[in-house]
Amino acid sequence: MNKYRWLLPILMLFWLQACSSPAPLPEDRYYDLRPKGLKPMSAAVRKPIHLVIRRPRADALRAARNLVYSRDGVEMRQYHHHFWADRPDRMLERALLDGLQQSGLFASVGSLPLQTGTNAELRGEILRLDRVRSGAGWKVDVALRFTYFPDRNGPPAFTRLYHKKLKTRDERMQTTIETFNTVTGELLHALLLDLSRL
């Protein structure tokens, strides 16, 4: 027994080193906001005007790239390792441009006004883009407000709130992002339908 006594300090040293090693930091993860289900409006009558898309506004919390969440529906927090690939207002602006260009509702769609001809304008606001604890799982809460001006220098034709909450299938963040994309696509589709009826 005495001849192995020298091993004890070495084993203790290895054990202490293992106990003092810091846990690995979580890996940063990035997600795209890609609304699903936006299609051309088959019965749409093309408006002979150019539509200007203004970048949607958002409060400081929802304009940041950190995903926003709440465990009680009251206190809002930001994740430290889950990020949008770009700021939500910029991703939503791109989705609006793509969706409205493909819709066939307007002669042209862009982010800058034309120098000649009639320019309509669409302004938006991100009110909610949140992951919220719901019982044992999660739900997404998305609220977008849009104002449409048939002539960008005149009064608006409408201001409408598009809001939906949807429970996720499981607790994985990837499933939450899929649910964000589904809900955002449904809200933008409702906006396109409203524009097609004008």
Protein backbone atom coordinates (compact mmCIF):
# COMPACT_ATOMS: atom_id res chain seq x y z
CA MET A 1 0.00 0.00 0.00
CA ASN A 2 2.79 2.43 0.89
CA LYS A 3 4.51 2.01 -2.45
CA TYR A 4 1.42 3.58 -4.24
CA ARG A 5 1.14 6.49 -1.82
CA TRP A 6 2.86 8.83 -4.34
CA LEU A 7 -0.10 8.30 -6.73
CA LEU A 8 -2.62 9.91 -4.36
CA PRO A 9 -1.39 13.53 -4.77
CA ILE A 10 -1.33 13.15 -8.56
CA LEU A 11 -4.88 11.76 -8.63
CA MET A 12 -6.04 14.58 -6.32
CA LEU A 13 -4.42 17.13 -8.64
CA PHE A 14 -6.24 15.70 -11.70
CA TRP A 15 -9.53 15.62 -9.78
CA LEU A 16 -9.18 19.27 -8.68
CA GLN A 17 -8.29 20.33 -12.22
CA ALA A 18 -11.37 18.56 -13.61
CA CYS A 19 -13.62 20.19 -11.01
CA SER A 20 -12.27 23.67 -11.69
CA SER A 21 -12.61 23.55 -15.50
CA PRO A 22 -15.31 26.00 -16.60
CA ALA A 23 -18.35 24.62 -18.39
CA PRO A 24 -18.31 25.32 -22.14
CA LEU A 25 -20.25 28.43 -23.13
CA PRO A 26 -23.42 27.91 -25.19
CA GLU A 27 -22.97 28.37 -28.92
CA ASP A 28 -24.56 31.43 -30.56
CA ARG A 29 -27.38 30.51 -32.96
CA TYR A 30 -28.87 32.61 -35.77
CA TYR A 31 -32.29 32.38 -37.44
CA ASP A 32 -33.95 33.85 -40.54
CA LEU A 33 -37.45 35.29 -40.55
CA ARG A 34 -38.91 33.81 -43.76
CA PRO A 35 -42.70 34.15 -43.88
CA LYS A 36 -44.34 31.07 -45.44
CA GLY A 37 -47.27 30.85 -47.81
CA LEU A 38 -47.04 34.13 -49.76
CA LYS A 39 -48.31 33.52 -53.32
CA PRO A 40 -49.45 35.58 -56.30
CA MET A 41 -53.02 36.85 -55.95
CA SER A 42 -54.74 35.00 -58.79
CA ALA A 43 -57.83 37.25 -58.96
CA ALA A 44 -55.91 40.45 -58.31
CA VAL A 45 -56.44 43.51 -60.49
CA ARG A 46 -53.08 45.18 -60.97
CA LYS A 47 -53.09 48.78 -59.72
CA PRO A 48 -51.31 51.08 -62.21
CA ILE A 49 -49.18 52.64 -59.48
CA HIS A 50 -45.82 52.21 -57.83
CA LEU A 51 -45.92 51.04 -54.19
CA VAL A 52 -43.24 52.33 -51.83
CA ILE A 53 -42.45 50.05 -48.87
CA ARG A 54 -41.20 51.84 -45.80
CA ARG A 55 -39.08 49.81 -43.39
CA PRO A 56 -41.35 48.80 -40.48
CA ARG A 57 -40.73 50.54 -37.18
CA ALA A 58 -40.12 48.62 -33.96
CA ASP A 59 -39.42 49.49 -30.35
CA ALA A 60 -35.85 49.18 -29.08
CA LEU A 61 -36.45 45.68 -27.69
CA ARG A 62 -37.86 44.23 -30.93
CA ALA A 63 -35.52 46.16 -33.23
CA ALA A 64 -32.52 44.30 -31.75
CA ARG A 65 -31.27 41.01 -33.18
CA ASN A 66 -31.72 39.10 -29.90
CA LEU A 67 -34.89 37.00 -29.84
CA VAL A 68 -37.43 38.30 -27.32
CA TYR A 69 -39.15 35.98 -24.85
CA SER A 70 -41.34 36.04 -21.77
CA ARG A 71 -41.98 33.40 -19.12
CA ASP A 72 -45.06 35.10 -17.65
CA GLY A 73 -46.42 37.20 -20.53
CA VAL A 74 -45.52 40.40 -18.64
CA GLU A 75 -41.75 40.71 -18.20
CA MET A 76 -39.95 40.68 -21.55
CA ARG A 77 -36.37 39.44 -21.88
CA GLN A 78 -33.80 38.90 -24.62
CA TYR A 79 -31.92 35.68 -25.26
CA HIS A 80 -28.12 35.93 -25.07
CA HIS A 81 -27.33 33.11 -27.52
CA HIS A 82 -30.33 33.12 -29.90
CA PHE A 83 -30.27 35.84 -32.56
CA TRP A 84 -32.13 36.81 -35.71
CA ALA A 85 -29.78 36.68 -38.72
CA ASP A 86 -30.57 40.38 -39.28
CA ARG A 87 -32.68 42.98 -37.50
CA PRO A 88 -36.39 41.98 -37.63
CA ASP A 89 -37.44 45.28 -39.25
CA ARG A 90 -35.03 44.69 -42.17
CA MET A 91 -36.07 41.05 -42.60
CA LEU A 92 -39.76 42.02 -42.57
CA GLU A 93 -39.09 44.80 -45.12
CA ARG A 94 -37.46 42.26 -47.46
CA ALA A 95 -40.37 39.84 -46.98
CA LEU A 96 -42.84 42.62 -47.80
CA LEU A 97 -40.91 43.60 -50.93
CA ASP A 98 -40.71 39.99 -52.14
CA GLY A 99 -44.33 39.19 -51.29
CA LEU A 100 -45.78 42.33 -52.88
CA GLN A 101 -43.59 42.04 -55.99
CA GLN A 102 -44.81 38.45 -56.48
CA SER A 103 -48.43 39.31 -55.68
CA GLY A 104 -49.07 41.14 -58.94
CA LEU A 105 -51.17 43.76 -57.13
CA PHE A 106 -49.09 46.77 -58.22
CA ALA A 107 -47.37 47.87 -61.41
CA SER A 108 -44.13 48.01 -59.43
CA VAL A 109 -42.95 47.75 -55.83
CA GLY A 110 -39.79 49.21 -54.30
CA SER A 111 -38.30 50.95 -51.31
CA LEU A 112 -37.82 54.30 -53.11
CA PRO A 113 -40.48 56.54 -54.71
CA LEU A 114 -40.53 57.08 -58.47
CA GLN A 115 -39.95 60.63 -59.66
CA THR A 116 -43.00 60.53 -61.96
CA GLY A 117 -46.40 58.85 -61.71
CA THR A 118 -48.46 57.90 -58.70
CA ASN A 119 -46.69 56.50 -55.66
CA ALA A 120 -48.68 54.60 -53.03
CA GLU A 121 -47.01 53.88 -49.70
CA LEU A 122 -47.16 51.10 -47.11
CA ARG A 123 -45.90 51.79 -43.59
CA GLY A 124 -45.64 49.11 -40.93
CA GLU A 125 -44.81 48.57 -37.30
CA ILE A 126 -43.67 45.47 -35.40
CA LEU A 127 -45.63 45.48 -32.14
CA ARG A 128 -44.87 41.90 -31.09
CA LEU A 129 -42.43 39.25 -32.29
CA ASP A 130 -42.23 37.31 -29.05
CA ARG A 131 -41.76 33.78 -27.76
CA VAL A 132 -44.04 33.35 -24.73
CA ARG A 133 -44.21 30.51 -22.19
CA SER A 134 -47.58 28.76 -22.45
CA GLY A 135 -48.18 26.10 -19.80
CA ALA A 136 -45.53 23.43 -20.31
CA GLY A 137 -44.64 24.69 -23.79
CA TRP A 138 -44.25 27.88 -25.81
CA LYS A 139 -46.30 29.98 -28.21
CA VAL A 140 -45.35 32.76 -30.60
CA ASP A 141 -47.08 36.13 -30.39
CA VAL A 142 -46.84 38.24 -33.56
CA ALA A 143 -48.57 41.62 -33.98
CA LEU A 144 -48.00 43.86 -37.01
CA ARG A 145 -49.73 47.13 -37.81
CA PHE A 146 -49.87 48.48 -41.38
CA THR A 147 -51.08 51.77 -42.85
CA TYR A 148 -51.71 52.01 -46.59
CA PHE A 149 -51.66 55.35 -48.44
CA PRO A 150 -53.07 55.17 -52.03
CA ASP A 151 -51.19 58.43 -52.65
CA ARG A 152 -48.18 58.88 -50.38
CA ASN A 153 -48.98 62.61 -50.10
CA GLY A 154 -52.63 62.06 -49.15
CA PRO A 155 -54.65 60.48 -46.32
CA PRO A 156 -54.44 56.72 -45.57
CA ALA A 157 -56.98 54.25 -46.96
CA PHE A 158 -56.64 52.07 -43.85
CA THR A 159 -54.65 51.32 -40.72
CA ARG A 160 -55.05 47.71 -39.56
CA LEU A 161 -53.66 45.48 -36.85
CA TYR A 162 -52.70 41.92 -37.84
CA HIS A 163 -52.23 39.80 -34.71
CA LYS A 164 -51.98 36.07 -34.06
CA LYS A 165 -50.74 33.75 -31.30
CA LEU A 166 -49.91 30.12 -32.05
CA LYS A 167 -48.64 27.33 -29.80
CA THR A 168 -45.52 25.52 -30.94
CA ARG A 169 -45.46 21.73 -31.45
CA ASP A 170 -42.54 21.26 -29.05
CA GLU A 171 -40.02 23.26 -27.01
CA ARG A 172 -37.17 23.35 -29.55
CA MET A 173 -36.10 26.79 -30.76
CA GLN A 174 -36.11 25.54 -34.37
CA THR A 175 -39.83 24.73 -34.00
CA THR A 176 -40.44 28.21 -32.59
CA ILE A 177 -38.76 29.77 -35.65
CA GLU A 178 -40.89 27.61 -37.98
CA THR A 179 -43.97 28.84 -36.10
CA PHE A 180 -42.82 32.47 -36.41
CA ASN A 181 -42.48 31.94 -40.18
CA THR A 182 -45.94 30.35 -40.44
CA VAL A 183 -47.69 33.06 -38.40
CA THR A 184 -45.88 35.94 -40.12
CA GLY A 185 -46.77 34.46 -43.51
CA GLU A 186 -50.44 34.24 -42.54
CA LEU A 187 -50.49 37.86 -41.34
CA LEU A 188 -48.79 39.14 -44.51
CA HIS A 189 -51.22 37.09 -46.62
CA ALA A 190 -54.12 38.79 -44.78
CA LEU A 191 -52.52 42.16 -45.59
CA LEU A 192 -52.27 41.24 -49.29
CA LEU A 193 -55.94 40.22 -49.31
CA ASP A 194 -56.90 43.58 -47.80
CA LEU A 195 -54.83 45.42 -50.41
CA SER A 196 -56.38 43.37 -53.22
CA ARG A 197 -59.89 44.46 -52.14
CA LEU A 198 -59.20 48.20 -52.45
